[in-house]
Amino acid sequence: MTDKKKLKIKIFENNYHSLVLEVSKKISEKKEGVVFLLWGNFAKAKKELIDDSKHFILESAHPSPLAGNRFFDNHHFSKTNEILTGQNKTPIDWQV
C-alpha cells in the first residue's frame, strides 16, 4: 500500500470517528430512552459521552473472532427489544 493511500485511509478514519462522536453526543443530548450498543474497547471508551440517566447502555466485546463467544453470548438484540417494548416503542426486526 502506498503512503498516499495510507494517508487517505487515515483521513477517512479520523473524519468517520469525529462524525460518530458528534452524532452520539447530539443524540444523547436531544433524545431520551435510546439504547446504545457499545461493542469493543473503542466504543466502550466513548461511554462518557452518553447520559446514562436518560439512556440505556449495553456493552460487549467486539463481534470479531478474537472475542470468542463473549459477543454472541451478550443477547444485545433481544435485550434491546425488551428495553424498547418496556418503553412502549416498536421492537427492531433484526432479521437480515
C-alpha atoms as a PDB file:
ATOM      1  CA  MET A   1       0.000   0.000   0.000  1.00  0.00           C
ATOM      2  CA  THR A   2       1.343   3.407  -0.895  1.00  0.00           C
ATOM      3  CA  ASP A   3       1.870   6.170   1.626  1.00  0.00           C
ATOM      4  CA  LYS A   4      -0.693   8.288  -0.233  1.00  0.00           C
ATOM      5  CA  LYS A   5      -3.304   5.557   0.068  1.00  0.00           C
ATOM      6  CA  LYS A   6      -2.485   5.052   3.760  1.00  0.00           C
ATOM      7  CA  LEU A   7      -2.911   8.791   4.333  1.00  0.00           C
ATOM      8  CA  LYS A   8      -6.324   8.801   2.607  1.00  0.00           C
ATOM      9  CA  ILE A   9      -7.462   5.888   4.773  1.00  0.00           C
ATOM     10  CA  LYS A  10      -6.232   7.633   7.921  1.00  0.00           C
ATOM     11  CA  ILE A  11      -8.035  10.864   6.991  1.00  0.00           C
ATOM     12  CA  PHE A  12     -11.241   8.901   6.331  1.00  0.00           C
ATOM     13  CA  GLU A  13     -10.952   7.061   9.663  1.00  0.00           C
ATOM     14  CA  ASN A  14     -10.387  10.302  11.577  1.00  0.00           C
ATOM     15  CA  ASN A  15     -13.351  12.006   9.899  1.00  0.00           C
ATOM     16  CA  TYR A  16     -15.564   8.963  10.473  1.00  0.00           C
ATOM     17  CA  HIS A  17     -14.678   8.768  14.161  1.00  0.00           C
ATOM     18  CA  SER A  18     -15.260  12.506  14.599  1.00  0.00           C
ATOM     19  CA  LEU A  19     -18.668  12.187  12.947  1.00  0.00           C
ATOM     20  CA  VAL A  20     -19.659   9.232  15.137  1.00  0.00           C
ATOM     21  CA  LEU A  21     -18.616  11.113  18.277  1.00  0.00           C
ATOM     22  CA  GLU A  22     -20.568  14.242  17.367  1.00  0.00           C
ATOM     23  CA  VAL A  23     -23.693  12.293  16.374  1.00  0.00           C
ATOM     24  CA  SER A  24     -23.529  10.261  19.593  1.00  0.00           C
ATOM     25  CA  LYS A  25     -23.240  13.423  21.687  1.00  0.00           C
ATOM     26  CA  LYS A  26     -26.183  15.089  19.926  1.00  0.00           C
ATOM     27  CA  ILE A  27     -28.395  12.011  20.261  1.00  0.00           C
ATOM     28  CA  SER A  28     -27.553  11.799  23.958  1.00  0.00           C
ATOM     29  CA  GLU A  29     -28.343  15.497  24.449  1.00  0.00           C
ATOM     30  CA  LYS A  30     -31.540  15.735  22.414  1.00  0.00           C
ATOM     31  CA  LYS A  31     -33.236  12.335  22.846  1.00  0.00           C
ATOM     32  CA  GLU A  32     -34.346  10.106  25.702  1.00  0.00           C
ATOM     33  CA  GLY A  33     -34.563   6.345  26.086  1.00  0.00           C
ATOM     34  CA  VAL A  34     -32.060   5.496  23.349  1.00  0.00           C
ATOM     35  CA  VAL A  35     -30.343   2.112  23.544  1.00  0.00           C
ATOM     36  CA  PHE A  36     -26.633   2.490  22.833  1.00  0.00           C
ATOM     37  CA  LEU A  37     -24.764  -0.695  21.875  1.00  0.00           C
ATOM     38  CA  LEU A  38     -21.080  -0.275  22.656  1.00  0.00           C
ATOM     39  CA  TRP A  39     -19.129  -3.128  21.112  1.00  0.00           C
ATOM     40  CA  GLY A  40     -15.379  -3.243  21.637  1.00  0.00           C
ATOM     41  CA  ASN A  41     -12.964  -1.169  23.648  1.00  0.00           C
ATOM     42  CA  PHE A  42     -13.018   1.785  21.258  1.00  0.00           C
ATOM     43  CA  ALA A  43     -16.792   2.102  21.624  1.00  0.00           C
ATOM     44  CA  LYS A  44     -16.733   1.465  25.367  1.00  0.00           C
ATOM     45  CA  ALA A  45     -14.242   4.316  25.786  1.00  0.00           C
ATOM     46  CA  LYS A  46     -16.913   6.680  24.440  1.00  0.00           C
ATOM     47  CA  LYS A  47     -19.401   5.764  27.173  1.00  0.00           C
ATOM     48  CA  GLU A  48     -18.706   9.073  28.915  1.00  0.00           C
ATOM     49  CA  LEU A  49     -20.389  10.909  26.015  1.00  0.00           C
ATOM     50  CA  ILE A  50     -23.730   9.275  26.847  1.00  0.00           C
ATOM     51  CA  ASP A  51     -26.022  10.476  29.626  1.00  0.00           C
ATOM     52  CA  ASP A  52     -26.840   7.179  31.308  1.00  0.00           C
ATOM     53  CA  SER A  53     -29.565   8.814  33.384  1.00  0.00           C
ATOM     54  CA  LYS A  54     -31.586   9.252  30.158  1.00  0.00           C
ATOM     55  CA  HIS A  55     -30.401   6.297  28.061  1.00  0.00           C
ATOM     56  CA  PHE A  56     -29.623   2.598  28.156  1.00  0.00           C
ATOM     57  CA  ILE A  57     -26.079   1.385  27.528  1.00  0.00           C
ATOM     58  CA  LEU A  58     -25.263  -2.207  26.628  1.00  0.00           C
ATOM     59  CA  GLU A  59     -21.555  -3.073  26.462  1.00  0.00           C
ATOM     60  CA  SER A  60     -19.868  -6.102  24.979  1.00  0.00           C
ATOM     61  CA  ALA A  61     -16.784  -7.409  23.269  1.00  0.00           C
ATOM     62  CA  HIS A  62     -16.449  -6.527  19.595  1.00  0.00           C
ATOM     63  CA  PRO A  63     -18.054  -9.060  17.222  1.00  0.00           C
ATOM     64  CA  SER A  64     -14.790 -10.469  15.948  1.00  0.00           C
ATOM     65  CA  PRO A  65     -13.174 -13.905  16.068  1.00  0.00           C
ATOM     66  CA  LEU A  66     -10.791 -12.602  18.735  1.00  0.00           C
ATOM     67  CA  ALA A  67     -13.700 -12.105  21.139  1.00  0.00           C
ATOM     68  CA  GLY A  68     -14.774 -15.731  21.006  1.00  0.00           C
ATOM     69  CA  ASN A  69     -18.275 -16.220  22.358  1.00  0.00           C
ATOM     70  CA  ARG A  70     -18.224 -13.094  24.515  1.00  0.00           C
ATOM     71  CA  PHE A  71     -20.092 -11.200  21.804  1.00  0.00           C
ATOM     72  CA  PHE A  72     -22.540 -13.920  20.848  1.00  0.00           C
ATOM     73  CA  ASP A  73     -23.487 -14.555  24.462  1.00  0.00           C
ATOM     74  CA  ASN A  74     -24.432 -10.927  25.148  1.00  0.00           C
ATOM     75  CA  HIS A  75     -28.036 -11.152  23.826  1.00  0.00           C
ATOM     76  CA  HIS A  76     -27.957  -7.457  22.948  1.00  0.00           C
ATOM     77  CA  PHE A  77     -30.563  -7.802  20.220  1.00  0.00           C
ATOM     78  CA  SER A  78     -33.187  -9.347  22.494  1.00  0.00           C
ATOM     79  CA  LYS A  79     -32.216  -7.036  25.384  1.00  0.00           C
ATOM     80  CA  THR A  80     -32.607  -4.014  23.115  1.00  0.00           C
ATOM     81  CA  ASN A  81     -36.084  -5.134  22.124  1.00  0.00           C
ATOM     82  CA  GLU A  82     -37.025  -5.745  25.771  1.00  0.00           C
ATOM     83  CA  ILE A  83     -35.954  -2.190  26.607  1.00  0.00           C
ATOM     84  CA  LEU A  84     -37.850  -0.761  23.632  1.00  0.00           C
ATOM     85  CA  THR A  85     -41.074  -2.639  24.360  1.00  0.00           C
ATOM     86  CA  GLY A  86     -40.752  -1.607  28.018  1.00  0.00           C
ATOM     87  CA  GLN A  87     -40.915   1.991  26.766  1.00  0.00           C
ATOM     88  CA  ASN A  88     -43.920   1.198  24.532  1.00  0.00           C
ATOM     89  CA  LYS A  89     -41.707   1.561  21.461  1.00  0.00           C
ATOM     90  CA  THR A  90     -41.659  -0.741  18.455  1.00  0.00           C
ATOM     91  CA  PRO A  91     -39.044  -3.500  18.704  1.00  0.00           C
ATOM     92  CA  ILE A  92     -36.458  -3.802  15.953  1.00  0.00           C
ATOM     93  CA  ASP A  93     -36.718  -6.607  13.398  1.00  0.00           C
ATOM     94  CA  TRP A  94     -33.109  -7.785  13.405  1.00  0.00           C
ATOM     95  CA  GLN A  95     -33.608 -10.294  10.579  1.00  0.00           C
ATOM     96  CA  VAL A  96     -31.496  -9.554   7.519  1.00  0.00           C
END
